[in-house]
Amino acid sequence: MDQQQRSPDSVVVAYLVGVPLAVAGFALVFSS
């Protein structure tokens, strides 16, 4: 059987936390 290679949990957390943090930061920079 072929198993799909999963991303490590740290990668998923980095994407789930990093993208909203960056978007919120840029929103604060341009609207403050």
Full PDB file with SEQRES, HELIX, SHEET, SSBOND, CRYST1, ORIGX, SCALE, CONECT and MASTER records, all heavy atoms in Angstrom:
SEQRES   1 A   32  MET ASP GLN GLN GLN ARG SER PRO ASP SER VAL VAL VAL          
SEQRES   2 A   32  ALA TYR LEU VAL GLY VAL PRO LEU ALA VAL ALA GLY PHE          
SEQRES   3 A   32  ALA LEU VAL PHE SER SER                                      
HELIX    1 AA1 ASP A    9  SER A   31  1                                  23    
CRYST1    1.000    1.000    1.000  90.00  90.00  90.00 P 1           1          
ORIGX1      1.000000  0.000000  0.000000        0.00000                         
ORIGX2      0.000000  1.000000  0.000000        0.00000                         
ORIGX3      0.000000  0.000000  1.000000        0.00000                         
SCALE1      1.000000  0.000000  0.000000        0.00000                         
SCALE2      0.000000  1.000000  0.000000        0.00000                         
SCALE3      0.000000  0.000000  1.000000        0.00000                         
ATOM      1  N   MET A   1       0.814  -1.187   0.000  1.00  0.00           N  
ATOM      2  CA  MET A   1       0.000   0.000   0.000  1.00  0.00           C  
ATOM      3  C   MET A   1       0.860   1.253   0.000  1.00  0.00           C  
ATOM      4  O   MET A   1       1.864   1.305   0.682  1.00  0.00           O  
ATOM      5  CB  MET A   1      -0.833   0.026   1.273  1.00  0.00           C  
ATOM      6  CG  MET A   1      -2.100  -0.724   1.174  1.00  0.00           C  
ATOM      7  SD  MET A   1      -3.110  -0.027   2.471  1.00  0.00           S  
ATOM      8  CE  MET A   1      -3.830  -1.413   3.156  1.00  0.00           C  
ATOM      9  N   ASP A   2       0.402   2.232  -0.719  1.00  0.00           N  
ATOM     10  CA  ASP A   2       1.104   3.513  -0.752  1.00  0.00           C  
ATOM     11  C   ASP A   2       0.526   4.424   0.318  1.00  0.00           C  
ATOM     12  O   ASP A   2      -0.670   4.632   0.394  1.00  0.00           O  
ATOM     13  CB  ASP A   2       0.936   4.189  -2.117  1.00  0.00           C  
ATOM     14  CG  ASP A   2       1.658   3.446  -3.215  1.00  0.00           C  
ATOM     15  OD1 ASP A   2       2.727   2.884  -2.913  1.00  0.00           O  
ATOM     16  OD2 ASP A   2       1.143   3.421  -4.335  1.00  0.00           O  
ATOM     17  N   GLN A   3       1.402   4.930   1.144  1.00  0.00           N  
ATOM     18  CA  GLN A   3       0.976   5.882   2.157  1.00  0.00           C  
ATOM     19  C   GLN A   3       1.331   7.288   1.697  1.00  0.00           C  
ATOM     20  O   GLN A   3       2.411   7.520   1.178  1.00  0.00           O  
ATOM     21  CB  GLN A   3       1.666   5.612   3.483  1.00  0.00           C  
ATOM     22  CG  GLN A   3       1.116   4.440   4.229  1.00  0.00           C  
ATOM     23  CD  GLN A   3       1.774   4.335   5.596  1.00  0.00           C  
ATOM     24  OE1 GLN A   3       2.925   4.720   5.761  1.00  0.00           O  
ATOM     25  NE2 GLN A   3       1.038   3.823   6.552  1.00  0.00           N  
ATOM     26  N   GLN A   4       0.386   8.187   1.887  1.00  0.00           N  
ATOM     27  CA  GLN A   4       0.683   9.573   1.564  1.00  0.00           C  
ATOM     28  C   GLN A   4       1.561  10.153   2.661  1.00  0.00           C  
ATOM     29  O   GLN A   4       1.395   9.851   3.836  1.00  0.00           O  
ATOM     30  CB  GLN A   4      -0.603  10.383   1.476  1.00  0.00           C  
ATOM     31  CG  GLN A   4      -1.419  10.078   0.259  1.00  0.00           C  
ATOM     32  CD  GLN A   4      -2.649  10.967   0.197  1.00  0.00           C  
ATOM     33  OE1 GLN A   4      -3.042  11.553   1.194  1.00  0.00           O  
ATOM     34  NE2 GLN A   4      -3.230  11.067  -0.973  1.00  0.00           N  
ATOM     35  N   GLN A   5       2.477  10.991   2.241  1.00  0.00           N  
ATOM     36  CA  GLN A   5       3.379  11.606   3.206  1.00  0.00           C  
ATOM     37  C   GLN A   5       2.702  12.833   3.793  1.00  0.00           C  
ATOM     38  O   GLN A   5       2.314  13.746   3.075  1.00  0.00           O  
ATOM     39  CB  GLN A   5       4.683  11.996   2.524  1.00  0.00           C  
ATOM     40  CG  GLN A   5       5.763  12.351   3.478  1.00  0.00           C  
ATOM     41  CD  GLN A   5       7.085  12.525   2.767  1.00  0.00           C  
ATOM     42  OE1 GLN A   5       7.139  12.498   1.551  1.00  0.00           O  
ATOM     43  NE2 GLN A   5       8.130  12.711   3.519  1.00  0.00           N  
ATOM     44  N   ARG A   6       2.528  12.823   5.097  1.00  0.00           N  
ATOM     45  CA  ARG A   6       1.878  13.919   5.800  1.00  0.00           C  
ATOM     46  C   ARG A   6       2.880  14.975   6.219  1.00  0.00           C  
ATOM     47  O   ARG A   6       4.030  14.676   6.494  1.00  0.00           O  
ATOM     48  CB  ARG A   6       1.209  13.396   7.071  1.00  0.00           C  
ATOM     49  CG  ARG A   6      -0.257  13.283   6.978  1.00  0.00           C  
ATOM     50  CD  ARG A   6      -0.853  12.785   8.267  1.00  0.00           C  
ATOM     51  NE  ARG A   6      -0.078  13.072   9.443  1.00  0.00           N  
ATOM     52  CZ  ARG A   6      -0.584  13.533  10.576  1.00  0.00           C  
ATOM     53  NH1 ARG A   6      -1.849  13.739  10.677  1.00  0.00           N  
ATOM     54  NH2 ARG A   6       0.191  13.747  11.624  1.00  0.00           N  
ATOM     55  N   SER A   7       2.405  16.213   6.290  1.00  0.00           N  
ATOM     56  CA  SER A   7       3.249  17.283   6.820  1.00  0.00           C  
ATOM     57  C   SER A   7       3.315  17.149   8.339  1.00  0.00           C  
ATOM     58  O   SER A   7       2.343  16.740   8.972  1.00  0.00           O  
ATOM     59  CB  SER A   7       2.655  18.649   6.478  1.00  0.00           C  
ATOM     60  OG  SER A   7       2.687  18.852   5.098  1.00  0.00           O  
ATOM     61  N   PRO A   8       4.440  17.499   8.925  1.00  0.00           N  
ATOM     62  CA  PRO A   8       4.524  17.465  10.387  1.00  0.00           C  
ATOM     63  C   PRO A   8       3.535  18.449  11.018  1.00  0.00           C  
ATOM     64  O   PRO A   8       3.131  19.438  10.396  1.00  0.00           O  
ATOM     65  CB  PRO A   8       5.960  17.896  10.681  1.00  0.00           C  
ATOM     66  CG  PRO A   8       6.689  17.754   9.423  1.00  0.00           C  
ATOM     67  CD  PRO A   8       5.700  17.862   8.307  1.00  0.00           C  
ATOM     68  N   ASP A   9       3.153  18.172  12.242  1.00  0.00           N  
ATOM     69  CA  ASP A   9       2.198  19.043  12.930  1.00  0.00           C  
ATOM     70  C   ASP A   9       2.733  20.460  13.088  1.00  0.00           C  
ATOM     71  O   ASP A   9       1.963  21.418  13.078  1.00  0.00           O  
ATOM     72  CB  ASP A   9       1.852  18.466  14.297  1.00  0.00           C  
ATOM     73  CG  ASP A   9       1.055  17.178  14.185  1.00  0.00           C  
ATOM     74  OD1 ASP A   9       0.431  16.963  13.134  1.00  0.00           O  
ATOM     75  OD2 ASP A   9       1.063  16.398  15.153  1.00  0.00           O  
ATOM     76  N   SER A  10       4.036  20.601  13.234  1.00  0.00           N  
ATOM     77  CA  SER A  10       4.607  21.941  13.394  1.00  0.00           C  
ATOM     78  C   SER A  10       4.398  22.791  12.141  1.00  0.00           C  
ATOM     79  O   SER A  10       4.234  24.008  12.234  1.00  0.00           O  
ATOM     80  CB  SER A  10       6.092  21.851  13.727  1.00  0.00           C  
ATOM     81  OG  SER A  10       6.783  21.172  12.705  1.00  0.00           O  
ATOM     82  N   VAL A  11       4.374  22.155  10.982  1.00  0.00           N  
ATOM     83  CA  VAL A  11       4.138  22.899   9.733  1.00  0.00           C  
ATOM     84  C   VAL A  11       2.706  23.404   9.688  1.00  0.00           C  
ATOM     85  O   VAL A  11       2.442  24.557   9.337  1.00  0.00           O  
ATOM     86  CB  VAL A  11       4.443  22.003   8.515  1.00  0.00           C  
ATOM     87  CG1 VAL A  11       4.053  22.677   7.232  1.00  0.00           C  
ATOM     88  CG2 VAL A  11       5.901  21.623   8.493  1.00  0.00           C  
ATOM     89  N   VAL A  12       1.778  22.546  10.066  1.00  0.00           N  
ATOM     90  CA  VAL A  12       0.365  22.937  10.065  1.00  0.00           C  
ATOM     91  C   VAL A  12       0.129  24.083  11.041  1.00  0.00           C  
ATOM     92  O   VAL A  12      -0.565  25.053  10.720  1.00  0.00           O  
ATOM     93  CB  VAL A  12      -0.519  21.715  10.412  1.00  0.00           C  
ATOM     94  CG1 VAL A  12      -1.976  22.116  10.532  1.00  0.00           C  
ATOM     95  CG2 VAL A  12      -0.349  20.627   9.370  1.00  0.00           C  
ATOM     96  N   VAL A  13       0.722  24.005  12.207  1.00  0.00           N  
ATOM     97  CA  VAL A  13       0.576  25.068  13.199  1.00  0.00           C  
ATOM     98  C   VAL A  13       1.206  26.368  12.687  1.00  0.00           C  
ATOM     99  O   VAL A  13       0.642  27.448  12.860  1.00  0.00           O  
ATOM    100  CB  VAL A  13       1.201  24.648  14.545  1.00  0.00           C  
ATOM    101  CG1 VAL A  13       1.284  25.816  15.506  1.00  0.00           C  
ATOM    102  CG2 VAL A  13       0.404  23.512  15.151  1.00  0.00           C  
ATOM    103  N   ALA A  14       2.348  26.261  12.028  1.00  0.00           N  
ATOM    104  CA  ALA A  14       3.006  27.462  11.496  1.00  0.00           C  
ATOM    105  C   ALA A  14       2.123  28.156  10.474  1.00  0.00           C  
ATOM    106  O   ALA A  14       2.025  29.388  10.463  1.00  0.00           O  
ATOM    107  CB  ALA A  14       4.345  27.088  10.876  1.00  0.00           C  
ATOM    108  N   TYR A  15       1.458  27.380   9.613  1.00  0.00           N  
ATOM    109  CA  TYR A  15       0.573  27.987   8.618  1.00  0.00           C  
ATOM    110  C   TYR A  15      -0.693  28.555   9.261  1.00  0.00           C  
ATOM    111  O   TYR A  15      -1.155  29.633   8.910  1.00  0.00           O  
ATOM    112  CB  TYR A  15       0.189  26.982   7.545  1.00  0.00           C  
ATOM    113  CG  TYR A  15       1.329  26.614   6.623  1.00  0.00           C  
ATOM    114  CD1 TYR A  15       1.470  25.320   6.132  1.00  0.00           C  
ATOM    115  CD2 TYR A  15       2.270  27.547   6.231  1.00  0.00           C  
ATOM    116  CE1 TYR A  15       2.510  24.978   5.299  1.00  0.00           C  
ATOM    117  CE2 TYR A  15       3.317  27.210   5.398  1.00  0.00           C  
ATOM    118  CZ  TYR A  15       3.426  25.922   4.929  1.00  0.00           C  
ATOM    119  OH  TYR A  15       4.449  25.592   4.099  1.00  0.00           O  
ATOM    120  N   LEU A  16      -1.263  27.818  10.224  1.00  0.00           N  
ATOM    121  CA  LEU A  16      -2.506  28.268  10.842  1.00  0.00           C  
ATOM    122  C   LEU A  16      -2.312  29.498  11.726  1.00  0.00           C  
ATOM    123  O   LEU A  16      -3.230  30.297  11.881  1.00  0.00           O  
ATOM    124  CB  LEU A  16      -3.124  27.135  11.674  1.00  0.00           C  
ATOM    125  CG  LEU A  16      -3.714  25.980  10.880  1.00  0.00           C  
ATOM    126  CD1 LEU A  16      -4.217  24.903  11.824  1.00  0.00           C  
ATOM    127  CD2 LEU A  16      -4.834  26.458   9.983  1.00  0.00           C  
ATOM    128  N   VAL A  17      -1.132  29.656  12.297  1.00  0.00           N  
ATOM    129  CA  VAL A  17      -0.873  30.808  13.161  1.00  0.00           C  
ATOM    130  C   VAL A  17      -0.206  31.935  12.381  1.00  0.00           C  
ATOM    131  O   VAL A  17      -0.533  33.112  12.560  1.00  0.00           O  
ATOM    132  CB  VAL A  17       0.012  30.389  14.361  1.00  0.00           C  
ATOM    133  CG1 VAL A  17       0.443  31.587  15.177  1.00  0.00           C  
ATOM    134  CG2 VAL A  17      -0.727  29.387  15.231  1.00  0.00           C  
ATOM    135  N   GLY A  18       0.712  31.599  11.486  1.00  0.00           N  
ATOM    136  CA  GLY A  18       1.508  32.611  10.798  1.00  0.00           C  
ATOM    137  C   GLY A  18       0.719  33.474   9.837  1.00  0.00           C  
ATOM    138  O   GLY A  18       0.897  34.704   9.806  1.00  0.00           O  
ATOM    139  N   VAL A  19      -0.147  32.871   9.059  1.00  0.00           N  
ATOM    140  CA  VAL A  19      -0.893  33.646   8.050  1.00  0.00           C  
ATOM    141  C   VAL A  19      -1.842  34.654   8.706  1.00  0.00           C  
ATOM    142  O   VAL A  19      -1.806  35.842   8.354  1.00  0.00           O  
ATOM    143  CB  VAL A  19      -1.640  32.696   7.084  1.00  0.00           C  
ATOM    144  CG1 VAL A  19      -2.556  33.471   6.160  1.00  0.00           C  
ATOM    145  CG2 VAL A  19      -0.633  31.872   6.283  1.00  0.00           C  
ATOM    146  N   PRO A  20      -2.692  34.243   9.673  1.00  0.00           N  
ATOM    147  CA  PRO A  20      -3.552  35.262  10.311  1.00  0.00           C  
ATOM    148  C   PRO A  20      -2.762  36.333  11.060  1.00  0.00           C  
ATOM    149  O   PRO A  20      -3.159  37.501  11.079  1.00  0.00           O  
ATOM    150  CB  PRO A  20      -4.417  34.461  11.281  1.00  0.00           C  
ATOM    151  CG  PRO A  20      -4.381  33.078  10.796  1.00  0.00           C  
ATOM    152  CD  PRO A  20      -3.054  32.905  10.136  1.00  0.00           C  
ATOM    153  N   LEU A  21      -1.635  35.939  11.659  1.00  0.00           N  
ATOM    154  CA  LEU A  21      -0.803  36.911  12.368  1.00  0.00           C  
ATOM    155  C   LEU A  21      -0.238  37.938  11.402  1.00  0.00           C  
ATOM    156  O   LEU A  21      -0.247  39.147  11.679  1.00  0.00           O  
ATOM    157  CB  LEU A  21       0.321  36.194  13.115  1.00  0.00           C  
ATOM    158  CG  LEU A  21       1.222  37.030  13.998  1.00  0.00           C  
ATOM    159  CD1 LEU A  21       0.407  37.643  15.132  1.00  0.00           C  
ATOM    160  CD2 LEU A  21       2.341  36.183  14.551  1.00  0.00           C  
ATOM    161  N   ALA A  22       0.225  37.488  10.250  1.00  0.00           N  
ATOM    162  CA  ALA A  22       0.770  38.413   9.253  1.00  0.00           C  
ATOM    163  C   ALA A  22      -0.321  39.329   8.702  1.00  0.00           C  
ATOM    164  O   ALA A  22      -0.114  40.539   8.555  1.00  0.00           O  
ATOM    165  CB  ALA A  22       1.427  37.636   8.125  1.00  0.00           C  
ATOM    166  N   VAL A  23      -1.483  38.768   8.421  1.00  0.00           N  
ATOM    167  CA  VAL A  23      -2.586  39.581   7.879  1.00  0.00           C  
ATOM    168  C   VAL A  23      -3.038  40.620   8.903  1.00  0.00           C  
ATOM    169  O   VAL A  23      -3.245  41.796   8.561  1.00  0.00           O  
ATOM    170  CB  VAL A  23      -3.757  38.668   7.457  1.00  0.00           C  
ATOM    171  CG1 VAL A  23      -4.998  39.474   7.133  1.00  0.00           C  
ATOM    172  CG2 VAL A  23      -3.354  37.826   6.258  1.00  0.00           C  
ATOM    173  N   ALA A  24      -3.172  40.202  10.159  1.00  0.00           N  
ATOM    174  CA  ALA A  24      -3.577  41.158  11.196  1.00  0.00           C  
ATOM    175  C   ALA A  24      -2.512  42.238  11.398  1.00  0.00           C  
ATOM    176  O   ALA A  24      -2.835  43.408  11.601  1.00  0.00           O  
ATOM    177  CB  ALA A  24      -3.828  40.416  12.507  1.00  0.00           C  
ATOM    178  N   GLY A  25      -1.255  41.843  11.319  1.00  0.00           N  
ATOM    179  CA  GLY A  25      -0.177  42.821  11.461  1.00  0.00           C  
ATOM    180  C   GLY A  25      -0.178  43.849  10.351  1.00  0.00           C  
ATOM    181  O   GLY A  25      -0.044  45.059  10.606  1.00  0.00           O  
ATOM    182  N   PHE A  26      -0.333  43.385   9.111  1.00  0.00           N  
ATOM    183  CA  PHE A  26      -0.381  44.326   7.993  1.00  0.00           C  
ATOM    184  C   PHE A  26      -1.611  45.226   8.085  1.00  0.00           C  
ATOM    185  O   PHE A  26      -1.549  46.405   7.739  1.00  0.00           O  
ATOM    186  CB  PHE A  26      -0.361  43.589   6.654  1.00  0.00           C  
ATOM    187  CG  PHE A  26       0.997  43.064   6.282  1.00  0.00           C  
ATOM    188  CD1 PHE A  26       1.199  41.708   6.067  1.00  0.00           C  
ATOM    189  CD2 PHE A  26       2.079  43.915   6.157  1.00  0.00           C  
ATOM    190  CE1 PHE A  26       2.444  41.215   5.722  1.00  0.00           C  
ATOM    191  CE2 PHE A  26       3.335  43.441   5.821  1.00  0.00           C  
ATOM    192  CZ  PHE A  26       3.505  42.084   5.611  1.00  0.00           C  
ATOM    193  N   ALA A  27      -2.731  44.681   8.561  1.00  0.00           N  
ATOM    194  CA  ALA A  27      -3.926  45.505   8.733  1.00  0.00           C  
ATOM    195  C   ALA A  27      -3.695  46.590   9.776  1.00  0.00           C  
ATOM    196  O   ALA A  27      -4.129  47.736   9.596  1.00  0.00           O  
ATOM    197  CB  ALA A  27      -5.106  44.622   9.127  1.00  0.00           C  
ATOM    198  N   LEU A  28      -3.006  46.251  10.859  1.00  0.00           N  
ATOM    199  CA  LEU A  28      -2.693  47.257  11.879  1.00  0.00           C  
ATOM    200  C   LEU A  28      -1.748  48.331  11.349  1.00  0.00           C  
ATOM    201  O   LEU A  28      -1.899  49.507  11.661  1.00  0.00           O  
ATOM    202  CB  LEU A  28      -2.048  46.597  13.097  1.00  0.00           C  
ATOM    203  CG  LEU A  28      -2.969  46.142  14.203  1.00  0.00           C  
ATOM    204  CD1 LEU A  28      -2.179  45.404  15.271  1.00  0.00           C  
ATOM    205  CD2 LEU A  28      -3.708  47.293  14.809  1.00  0.00           C  
ATOM    206  N   VAL A  29      -0.778  47.905  10.555  1.00  0.00           N  
ATOM    207  CA  VAL A  29       0.189  48.877  10.023  1.00  0.00           C  
ATOM    208  C   VAL A  29      -0.505  49.899   9.136  1.00  0.00           C  
ATOM    209  O   VAL A  29      -0.262  51.106   9.246  1.00  0.00           O  
ATOM    210  CB  VAL A  29       1.308  48.150   9.244  1.00  0.00           C  
ATOM    211  CG1 VAL A  29       2.133  49.130   8.432  1.00  0.00           C  
ATOM    212  CG2 VAL A  29       2.199  47.379  10.190  1.00  0.00           C  
ATOM    213  N   PHE A  30      -1.382  49.438   8.272  1.00  0.00           N  
ATOM    214  CA  PHE A  30      -1.971  50.344   7.290  1.00  0.00           C  
ATOM    215  C   PHE A  30      -3.212  51.076   7.785  1.00  0.00           C  
ATOM    216  O   PHE A  30      -3.638  52.045   7.175  1.00  0.00           O  
ATOM    217  CB  PHE A  30      -2.291  49.583   6.003  1.00  0.00           C  
ATOM    218  CG  PHE A  30      -1.053  49.137   5.280  1.00  0.00           C  
ATOM    219  CD1 PHE A  30      -0.782  47.796   5.102  1.00  0.00           C  
ATOM    220  CD2 PHE A  30      -0.139  50.061   4.800  1.00  0.00           C  
ATOM    221  CE1 PHE A  30       0.363  47.383   4.436  1.00  0.00           C  
ATOM    222  CE2 PHE A  30       1.014  49.662   4.150  1.00  0.00           C  
ATOM    223  CZ  PHE A  30       1.262  48.317   3.973  1.00  0.00           C  
ATOM    224  N   SER A  31      -3.803  50.615   8.894  1.00  0.00           N  
ATOM    225  CA  SER A  31      -5.016  51.286   9.365  1.00  0.00           C  
ATOM    226  C   SER A  31      -4.805  52.084  10.639  1.00  0.00           C  
ATOM    227  O   SER A  31      -5.713  52.763  11.087  1.00  0.00           O  
ATOM    228  CB  SER A  31      -6.118  50.252   9.603  1.00  0.00           C  
ATOM    229  OG  SER A  31      -5.769  49.413  10.685  1.00  0.00           O  
ATOM    230  N   SER A  32      -3.623  52.009  11.219  1.00  0.00           N  
ATOM    231  CA  SER A  32      -3.389  52.656  12.508  1.00  0.00           C  
ATOM    232  C   SER A  32      -2.884  54.078  12.330  1.00  0.00           C  
ATOM    233  O   SER A  32      -2.012  54.351  11.515  1.00  0.00           O  
ATOM    234  CB  SER A  32      -2.373  51.851  13.312  1.00  0.00           C  
ATOM    235  OG  SER A  32      -2.066  52.533  14.490  1.00  0.00           O  
TER     236      SER A  32                                                      
MASTER        0    0    0    1    0    0    0    6  235    1    0    3          
END                                                                             
